[in-house]
């Protein structure tokens, strides 16, 4: 088998064609406990990371927003409040289980307009060119098989001048923090996953997939190469998480 037909699933090398199914299995397994695990894993700090993402999005009343890998709807729900009835928010996720959990949660919160839902692959977004003022992907890009293809797909559906925001685990900027983070990720996370979600393996994959994801500067370069401009990133929690932002040229 040629090297081009291989990719990483965590630390494993797998066939490119198999990765999406393996990732799907992870999220089918954890969907029902996803929000609870997020709170436990991050000590609730993920809410601050997401709030900062919304603040930097520039989204206003009447805007169109696409939230890719939107999962349980944290970002989409907030964007729906901002854009109002004149706007449009699409919660997209490749994983049916995650999409169902997100839709049910938002419906339970009484959020109907302007939300819609799409089961969609970030690499092949089923939307027209120049459709959205803002595209977000939070903690999803590292699971995509071909990140360059996905970034170009996001660029295509953005309106000229529109913003992409990529919120993702990244590389700690301090060696001591990095060592502590590794110890937590590989010793505590899988045990938490077993205890709360009945699934240690999925959280082992989570820790490994974070280590295989491009670092801050590399992802910035990938965005520039995909065609975005004015690309920048903001480290949070010592670089454990980074928010990347880029604009589609006019």
C-alpha atoms as a PDB file:
ATOM      1  CA  UNK A   1       0.000   0.000   0.000  1.00  0.00           C
ATOM      2  CA  UNK A   2       1.409   3.417  -0.904  1.00  0.00           C
ATOM      3  CA  UNK A   3       2.334   5.924   1.774  1.00  0.00           C
ATOM      4  CA  UNK A   4      -0.211   8.411   0.398  1.00  0.00           C
ATOM      5  CA  UNK A   5      -3.008   5.985   1.281  1.00  0.00           C
ATOM      6  CA  UNK A   6      -2.017   5.999   4.971  1.00  0.00           C
ATOM      7  CA  UNK A   7      -2.892   8.486   7.694  1.00  0.00           C
ATOM      8  CA  UNK A   8      -2.837   8.695  11.486  1.00  0.00           C
ATOM      9  CA  UNK A   9      -5.589   7.640  13.850  1.00  0.00           C
ATOM     10  CA  UNK A  10      -4.012   8.793  17.072  1.00  0.00           C
ATOM     11  CA  UNK A  11      -0.595   7.134  17.077  1.00  0.00           C
ATOM     12  CA  UNK A  12      -1.738   4.316  14.801  1.00  0.00           C
ATOM     13  CA  UNK A  13      -1.095   4.369  11.078  1.00  0.00           C
ATOM     14  CA  UNK A  14      -4.282   3.411   9.234  1.00  0.00           C
ATOM     15  CA  UNK A  15      -5.671   3.321   5.717  1.00  0.00           C
ATOM     16  CA  UNK A  16      -6.993   6.751   4.688  1.00  0.00           C
ATOM     17  CA  UNK A  17     -10.321   5.161   3.783  1.00  0.00           C
ATOM     18  CA  UNK A  18     -10.680   3.704   7.291  1.00  0.00           C
ATOM     19  CA  UNK A  19     -10.041   6.820   9.371  1.00  0.00           C
ATOM     20  CA  UNK A  20     -13.500   8.414   9.100  1.00  0.00           C
ATOM     21  CA  UNK A  21     -15.139   5.202  10.308  1.00  0.00           C
ATOM     22  CA  UNK A  22     -12.729   4.869  13.229  1.00  0.00           C
ATOM     23  CA  UNK A  23     -13.317   8.485  14.294  1.00  0.00           C
ATOM     24  CA  UNK A  24     -17.064   7.952  13.912  1.00  0.00           C
ATOM     25  CA  UNK A  25     -16.846   5.030  16.306  1.00  0.00           C
ATOM     26  CA  UNK A  26     -15.172   7.232  18.905  1.00  0.00           C
ATOM     27  CA  UNK A  27     -17.907   9.854  18.803  1.00  0.00           C
ATOM     28  CA  UNK A  28     -20.809   7.399  18.585  1.00  0.00           C
ATOM     29  CA  UNK A  29     -19.411   5.935  21.786  1.00  0.00           C
ATOM     30  CA  UNK A  30     -19.018   9.190  23.734  1.00  0.00           C
ATOM     31  CA  UNK A  31     -21.872  11.354  22.364  1.00  0.00           C
ATOM     32  CA  UNK A  32     -24.273  10.892  25.274  1.00  0.00           C
ATOM     33  CA  UNK A  33     -21.638  11.871  27.863  1.00  0.00           C
ATOM     34  CA  UNK A  34     -19.738  14.386  25.730  1.00  0.00           C
ATOM     35  CA  UNK A  35     -20.787  17.556  27.577  1.00  0.00           C
ATOM     36  CA  UNK A  36     -20.205  16.052  31.008  1.00  0.00           C
ATOM     37  CA  UNK A  37     -16.754  14.812  29.989  1.00  0.00           C
ATOM     38  CA  UNK A  38     -15.858  18.244  28.554  1.00  0.00           C
ATOM     39  CA  UNK A  39     -16.666  19.869  31.882  1.00  0.00           C
ATOM     40  CA  UNK A  40     -14.709  17.276  33.847  1.00  0.00           C
ATOM     41  CA  UNK A  41     -11.681  17.183  31.527  1.00  0.00           C
ATOM     42  CA  UNK A  42     -11.260  20.950  31.358  1.00  0.00           C
ATOM     43  CA  UNK A  43     -12.626  21.941  34.746  1.00  0.00           C
ATOM     44  CA  UNK A  44     -15.257  23.936  32.845  1.00  0.00           C
ATOM     45  CA  UNK A  45     -12.619  26.100  31.131  1.00  0.00           C
ATOM     46  CA  UNK A  46     -13.851  24.981  27.685  1.00  0.00           C
ATOM     47  CA  UNK A  47     -16.709  27.449  28.162  1.00  0.00           C
ATOM     48  CA  UNK A  48     -14.224  30.333  28.375  1.00  0.00           C
ATOM     49  CA  UNK A  49     -12.388  29.109  25.271  1.00  0.00           C
ATOM     50  CA  UNK A  50     -15.678  29.040  23.372  1.00  0.00           C
ATOM     51  CA  UNK A  51     -16.724  32.462  24.672  1.00  0.00           C
ATOM     52  CA  UNK A  52     -13.453  33.942  23.402  1.00  0.00           C
ATOM     53  CA  UNK A  53     -14.093  32.306  20.019  1.00  0.00           C
ATOM     54  CA  UNK A  54     -17.499  33.955  19.806  1.00  0.00           C
ATOM     55  CA  UNK A  55     -16.032  37.330  20.786  1.00  0.00           C
ATOM     56  CA  UNK A  56     -13.416  37.143  18.019  1.00  0.00           C
ATOM     57  CA  UNK A  57     -15.882  35.919  15.405  1.00  0.00           C
ATOM     58  CA  UNK A  58     -17.284  39.373  14.668  1.00  0.00           C
ATOM     59  CA  UNK A  59     -20.707  37.775  14.186  1.00  0.00           C
ATOM     60  CA  UNK A  60     -23.580  40.237  14.290  1.00  0.00           C
ATOM     61  CA  UNK A  61     -27.340  40.321  13.874  1.00  0.00           C
ATOM     62  CA  UNK A  62     -28.435  38.971  10.490  1.00  0.00           C
ATOM     63  CA  UNK A  63     -25.201  37.070   9.774  1.00  0.00           C
ATOM     64  CA  UNK A  64     -24.913  33.534   8.418  1.00  0.00           C
ATOM     65  CA  UNK A  65     -22.769  31.147  10.463  1.00  0.00           C
ATOM     66  CA  UNK A  66     -21.616  27.583   9.827  1.00  0.00           C
ATOM     67  CA  UNK A  67     -20.412  25.649  12.874  1.00  0.00           C
ATOM     68  CA  UNK A  68     -18.558  22.561  11.594  1.00  0.00           C
ATOM     69  CA  UNK A  69     -18.063  19.575  13.896  1.00  0.00           C
ATOM     70  CA  UNK A  70     -20.544  21.503  16.019  1.00  0.00           C
ATOM     71  CA  UNK A  71     -21.268  18.492  18.187  1.00  0.00           C
ATOM     72  CA  UNK A  72     -23.527  19.273  21.093  1.00  0.00           C
ATOM     73  CA  UNK A  73     -24.257  22.809  19.967  1.00  0.00           C
ATOM     74  CA  UNK A  74     -22.417  25.065  22.432  1.00  0.00           C
ATOM     75  CA  UNK A  75     -21.243  27.525  19.759  1.00  0.00           C
ATOM     76  CA  UNK A  76     -24.291  27.201  17.502  1.00  0.00           C
ATOM     77  CA  UNK A  77     -26.654  28.014  20.363  1.00  0.00           C
ATOM     78  CA  UNK A  78     -24.777  31.207  21.239  1.00  0.00           C
ATOM     79  CA  UNK A  79     -24.517  32.258  17.587  1.00  0.00           C
ATOM     80  CA  UNK A  80     -28.280  31.752  17.179  1.00  0.00           C
ATOM     81  CA  UNK A  81     -28.881  34.267  19.982  1.00  0.00           C
ATOM     82  CA  UNK A  82     -26.577  36.800  18.301  1.00  0.00           C
ATOM     83  CA  UNK A  83     -27.772  36.576  14.682  1.00  0.00           C
ATOM     84  CA  UNK A  84     -31.474  36.580  15.555  1.00  0.00           C
ATOM     85  CA  UNK A  85     -34.379  35.581  13.340  1.00  0.00           C
ATOM     86  CA  UNK A  86     -32.923  37.437  10.328  1.00  0.00           C
ATOM     87  CA  UNK A  87     -29.737  35.377  10.497  1.00  0.00           C
ATOM     88  CA  UNK A  88     -28.830  31.770   9.810  1.00  0.00           C
ATOM     89  CA  UNK A  89     -26.878  29.255  11.875  1.00  0.00           C
ATOM     90  CA  UNK A  90     -26.094  25.785  10.565  1.00  0.00           C
ATOM     91  CA  UNK A  91     -24.896  23.182  13.051  1.00  0.00           C
ATOM     92  CA  UNK A  92     -22.969  20.624  10.997  1.00  0.00           C
ATOM     93  CA  UNK A  93     -21.338  17.413  12.143  1.00  0.00           C
ATOM     94  CA  UNK A  94     -20.223  14.317  10.266  1.00  0.00           C
ATOM     95  CA  UNK A  95     -21.336  12.162  13.195  1.00  0.00           C
ATOM     96  CA  UNK A  96     -25.048  11.400  13.427  1.00  0.00           C
ATOM     97  CA  UNK A  97     -24.946  10.632  17.159  1.00  0.00           C
ATOM     98  CA  UNK A  98     -23.295  13.946  17.997  1.00  0.00           C
ATOM     99  CA  UNK A  99     -25.647  15.852  15.684  1.00  0.00           C
ATOM    100  CA  UNK A 100     -28.694  14.259  17.351  1.00  0.00           C
ATOM    101  CA  UNK A 101     -27.420  15.123  20.838  1.00  0.00           C
ATOM    102  CA  UNK A 102     -26.766  18.733  19.763  1.00  0.00           C
ATOM    103  CA  UNK A 103     -30.149  19.143  18.083  1.00  0.00           C
ATOM    104  CA  UNK A 104     -32.029  17.663  21.037  1.00  0.00           C
ATOM    105  CA  UNK A 105     -30.164  19.883  23.497  1.00  0.00           C
ATOM    106  CA  UNK A 106     -30.868  23.066  21.542  1.00  0.00           C
ATOM    107  CA  UNK A 107     -34.532  22.135  21.041  1.00  0.00           C
ATOM    108  CA  UNK A 108     -34.823  21.487  24.791  1.00  0.00           C
ATOM    109  CA  UNK A 109     -33.452  25.007  25.314  1.00  0.00           C
ATOM    110  CA  UNK A 110     -36.215  26.356  23.055  1.00  0.00           C
ATOM    111  CA  UNK A 111     -33.794  27.368  20.323  1.00  0.00           C
ATOM    112  CA  UNK A 112     -35.485  26.803  16.972  1.00  0.00           C
ATOM    113  CA  UNK A 113     -34.940  29.774  14.642  1.00  0.00           C
ATOM    114  CA  UNK A 114     -32.518  30.496  13.048  1.00  0.00           C
ATOM    115  CA  UNK A 115     -30.956  27.044  13.520  1.00  0.00           C
ATOM    116  CA  UNK A 116     -30.722  24.243  11.004  1.00  0.00           C
ATOM    117  CA  UNK A 117     -28.755  21.002  11.010  1.00  0.00           C
ATOM    118  CA  UNK A 118     -26.633  19.174   8.457  1.00  0.00           C
ATOM    119  CA  UNK A 119     -24.722  15.902   8.576  1.00  0.00           C
ATOM    120  CA  UNK A 120     -21.680  17.036   6.631  1.00  0.00           C
ATOM    121  CA  UNK A 121     -18.033  16.191   6.021  1.00  0.00           C
ATOM    122  CA  UNK A 122     -15.722  19.179   6.536  1.00  0.00           C
ATOM    123  CA  UNK A 123     -13.711  18.108   3.488  1.00  0.00           C
ATOM    124  CA  UNK A 124     -16.724  18.259   1.163  1.00  0.00           C
ATOM    125  CA  UNK A 125     -19.110  20.859   2.560  1.00  0.00           C
ATOM    126  CA  UNK A 126     -22.538  20.638   0.871  1.00  0.00           C
ATOM    127  CA  UNK A 127     -23.084  24.400   0.703  1.00  0.00           C
ATOM    128  CA  UNK A 128     -22.891  26.952  -2.092  1.00  0.00           C
ATOM    129  CA  UNK A 129     -19.850  29.160  -2.640  1.00  0.00           C
ATOM    130  CA  UNK A 130     -19.815  32.422  -0.663  1.00  0.00           C
ATOM    131  CA  UNK A 131     -22.638  31.364   1.695  1.00  0.00           C
ATOM    132  CA  UNK A 132     -21.448  32.277   5.193  1.00  0.00           C
ATOM    133  CA  UNK A 133     -20.124  35.330   7.031  1.00  0.00           C
ATOM    134  CA  UNK A 134     -18.361  33.102   9.533  1.00  0.00           C
ATOM    135  CA  UNK A 135     -17.251  29.469   9.733  1.00  0.00           C
ATOM    136  CA  UNK A 136     -16.166  27.893  13.015  1.00  0.00           C
ATOM    137  CA  UNK A 137     -14.729  24.491  13.846  1.00  0.00           C
ATOM    138  CA  UNK A 138     -14.071  23.757  17.516  1.00  0.00           C
ATOM    139  CA  UNK A 139     -12.114  20.661  18.543  1.00  0.00           C
ATOM    140  CA  UNK A 140     -12.879  19.012  15.222  1.00  0.00           C
ATOM    141  CA  UNK A 141     -10.080  19.756  12.761  1.00  0.00           C
ATOM    142  CA  UNK A 142      -7.675  17.250  14.304  1.00  0.00           C
ATOM    143  CA  UNK A 143     -10.147  14.459  13.476  1.00  0.00           C
ATOM    144  CA  UNK A 144     -10.358  15.369   9.773  1.00  0.00           C
ATOM    145  CA  UNK A 145      -8.415  13.068   7.449  1.00  0.00           C
ATOM    146  CA  UNK A 146      -7.302  15.722   4.927  1.00  0.00           C
ATOM    147  CA  UNK A 147      -7.008  19.014   6.797  1.00  0.00           C
ATOM    148  CA  UNK A 148      -5.790  20.960   3.738  1.00  0.00           C
ATOM    149  CA  UNK A 149      -8.828  19.843   1.745  1.00  0.00           C
ATOM    150  CA  UNK A 150     -11.120  20.819   4.624  1.00  0.00           C
ATOM    151  CA  UNK A 151      -9.564  24.286   4.928  1.00  0.00           C
ATOM    152  CA  UNK A 152     -10.075  24.899   1.204  1.00  0.00           C
ATOM    153  CA  UNK A 153     -13.669  23.719   1.528  1.00  0.00           C
ATOM    154  CA  UNK A 154     -14.239  26.194   4.370  1.00  0.00           C
ATOM    155  CA  UNK A 155     -12.682  28.990   2.325  1.00  0.00           C
ATOM    156  CA  UNK A 156     -15.017  28.212  -0.587  1.00  0.00           C
ATOM    157  CA  UNK A 157     -18.248  28.512   1.432  1.00  0.00           C
ATOM    158  CA  UNK A 158     -17.180  31.744   3.168  1.00  0.00           C
ATOM    159  CA  UNK A 159     -18.243  35.079   1.734  1.00  0.00           C
ATOM    160  CA  UNK A 160     -15.404  37.423   0.699  1.00  0.00           C
ATOM    161  CA  UNK A 161     -14.185  39.064   3.891  1.00  0.00           C
ATOM    162  CA  UNK A 162     -15.685  36.261   5.969  1.00  0.00           C
ATOM    163  CA  UNK A 163     -13.865  34.764   8.943  1.00  0.00           C
ATOM    164  CA  UNK A 164     -12.729  31.252   9.772  1.00  0.00           C
ATOM    165  CA  UNK A 165     -12.121  30.410  13.419  1.00  0.00           C
ATOM    166  CA  UNK A 166     -10.402  27.159  14.354  1.00  0.00           C
ATOM    167  CA  UNK A 167     -10.476  26.355  18.074  1.00  0.00           C
ATOM    168  CA  UNK A 168      -8.295  23.344  18.783  1.00  0.00           C
ATOM    169  CA  UNK A 169      -6.003  21.697  21.266  1.00  0.00           C
ATOM    170  CA  UNK A 170      -2.446  22.719  20.477  1.00  0.00           C
ATOM    171  CA  UNK A 171       1.090  22.688  21.853  1.00  0.00           C
ATOM    172  CA  UNK A 172       1.838  24.063  25.358  1.00  0.00           C
ATOM    173  CA  UNK A 173       4.361  26.889  25.287  1.00  0.00           C
ATOM    174  CA  UNK A 174       6.093  25.861  28.532  1.00  0.00           C
ATOM    175  CA  UNK A 175       8.089  22.644  29.043  1.00  0.00           C
ATOM    176  CA  UNK A 176       6.908  22.116  32.607  1.00  0.00           C
ATOM    177  CA  UNK A 177       3.278  22.627  31.601  1.00  0.00           C
ATOM    178  CA  UNK A 178       3.806  20.272  28.656  1.00  0.00           C
ATOM    179  CA  UNK A 179       5.079  17.497  30.935  1.00  0.00           C
ATOM    180  CA  UNK A 180       2.207  17.950  33.389  1.00  0.00           C
ATOM    181  CA  UNK A 181      -0.286  18.025  30.511  1.00  0.00           C
ATOM    182  CA  UNK A 182       1.135  14.792  29.072  1.00  0.00           C
ATOM    183  CA  UNK A 183       0.894  13.078  32.440  1.00  0.00           C
ATOM    184  CA  UNK A 184      -2.726  14.209  32.809  1.00  0.00           C
ATOM    185  CA  UNK A 185      -3.671  13.283  29.228  1.00  0.00           C
ATOM    186  CA  UNK A 186      -2.291   9.770  29.223  1.00  0.00           C
ATOM    187  CA  UNK A 187      -2.872   8.770  32.847  1.00  0.00           C
ATOM    188  CA  UNK A 188      -6.009  10.582  33.969  1.00  0.00           C
ATOM    189  CA  UNK A 189      -8.090  11.115  30.813  1.00  0.00           C
ATOM    190  CA  UNK A 190      -8.514   7.441  29.825  1.00  0.00           C
ATOM    191  CA  UNK A 191      -9.492   6.586  33.417  1.00  0.00           C
ATOM    192  CA  UNK A 192     -12.034   9.423  33.464  1.00  0.00           C
ATOM    193  CA  UNK A 193     -13.365   8.193  30.131  1.00  0.00           C
ATOM    194  CA  UNK A 194     -13.754   4.673  31.529  1.00  0.00           C
ATOM    195  CA  UNK A 195     -15.447   5.907  34.690  1.00  0.00           C
ATOM    196  CA  UNK A 196     -17.861   8.422  33.126  1.00  0.00           C
ATOM    197  CA  UNK A 197     -18.391   7.243  29.554  1.00  0.00           C
ATOM    198  CA  UNK A 198     -17.476   3.570  29.939  1.00  0.00           C
ATOM    199  CA  UNK A 199     -14.828   4.045  27.255  1.00  0.00           C
ATOM    200  CA  UNK A 200     -11.115   4.434  27.998  1.00  0.00           C
ATOM    201  CA  UNK A 201      -9.981   3.819  24.410  1.00  0.00           C
ATOM    202  CA  UNK A 202     -11.772   6.851  22.957  1.00  0.00           C
ATOM    203  CA  UNK A 203     -10.048   9.153  25.433  1.00  0.00           C
ATOM    204  CA  UNK A 204      -6.706   7.500  24.760  1.00  0.00           C
ATOM    205  CA  UNK A 205      -7.353   8.389  21.093  1.00  0.00           C
ATOM    206  CA  UNK A 206      -8.231  11.948  22.138  1.00  0.00           C
ATOM    207  CA  UNK A 207      -4.863  12.365  23.870  1.00  0.00           C
ATOM    208  CA  UNK A 208      -2.986  10.855  20.925  1.00  0.00           C
ATOM    209  CA  UNK A 209      -4.866  12.859  18.274  1.00  0.00           C
ATOM    210  CA  UNK A 210      -3.964  16.100  20.057  1.00  0.00           C
ATOM    211  CA  UNK A 211      -0.256  15.188  19.898  1.00  0.00           C
ATOM    212  CA  UNK A 212      -0.517  14.444  16.162  1.00  0.00           C
ATOM    213  CA  UNK A 213      -2.262  17.743  15.347  1.00  0.00           C
ATOM    214  CA  UNK A 214      -0.171  20.518  13.731  1.00  0.00           C
ATOM    215  CA  UNK A 215       1.293  23.058  16.154  1.00  0.00           C
ATOM    216  CA  UNK A 216       0.269  26.706  16.166  1.00  0.00           C
ATOM    217  CA  UNK A 217       2.672  27.987  13.509  1.00  0.00           C
ATOM    218  CA  UNK A 218       2.131  24.982  11.232  1.00  0.00           C
ATOM    219  CA  UNK A 219      -1.656  25.379  11.281  1.00  0.00           C
ATOM    220  CA  UNK A 220      -1.283  29.094  10.584  1.00  0.00           C
ATOM    221  CA  UNK A 221       0.849  28.260   7.533  1.00  0.00           C
ATOM    222  CA  UNK A 222      -1.707  25.689   6.387  1.00  0.00           C
ATOM    223  CA  UNK A 223      -4.441  28.343   6.528  1.00  0.00           C
ATOM    224  CA  UNK A 224      -2.310  30.760   4.499  1.00  0.00           C
ATOM    225  CA  UNK A 225      -1.580  28.071   1.929  1.00  0.00           C
ATOM    226  CA  UNK A 226      -5.304  27.281   1.670  1.00  0.00           C
ATOM    227  CA  UNK A 227      -5.912  30.914   0.658  1.00  0.00           C
ATOM    228  CA  UNK A 228      -6.780  32.698   3.887  1.00  0.00           C
ATOM    229  CA  UNK A 229      -5.187  36.031   4.737  1.00  0.00           C
ATOM    230  CA  UNK A 230      -4.429  37.988   7.926  1.00  0.00           C
ATOM    231  CA  UNK A 231      -4.036  34.648   9.727  1.00  0.00           C
ATOM    232  CA  UNK A 232      -3.207  34.807  13.412  1.00  0.00           C
ATOM    233  CA  UNK A 233      -3.545  32.655  16.509  1.00  0.00           C
ATOM    234  CA  UNK A 234      -4.217  33.246  20.165  1.00  0.00           C
ATOM    235  CA  UNK A 235      -2.872  30.838  22.800  1.00  0.00           C
ATOM    236  CA  UNK A 236      -5.085  30.052  25.762  1.00  0.00           C
ATOM    237  CA  UNK A 237      -4.284  28.148  28.952  1.00  0.00           C
ATOM    238  CA  UNK A 238      -0.576  28.191  28.149  1.00  0.00           C
ATOM    239  CA  UNK A 239      -1.028  26.955  24.597  1.00  0.00           C
ATOM    240  CA  UNK A 240      -2.988  23.846  25.572  1.00  0.00           C
ATOM    241  CA  UNK A 241      -5.634  25.375  23.320  1.00  0.00           C
ATOM    242  CA  UNK A 242      -5.189  27.851  20.476  1.00  0.00           C
ATOM    243  CA  UNK A 243      -7.702  29.855  18.484  1.00  0.00           C
ATOM    244  CA  UNK A 244      -6.695  30.487  14.853  1.00  0.00           C
ATOM    245  CA  UNK A 245      -8.433  33.165  12.807  1.00  0.00           C
ATOM    246  CA  UNK A 246      -8.182  33.905   9.095  1.00  0.00           C
ATOM    247  CA  UNK A 247     -10.095  35.986   6.554  1.00  0.00           C
ATOM    248  CA  UNK A 248     -11.254  35.123   3.068  1.00  0.00           C
ATOM    249  CA  UNK A 249      -9.810  37.703   0.650  1.00  0.00           C
ATOM    250  CA  UNK A 250     -12.187  40.208  -0.934  1.00  0.00           C
END
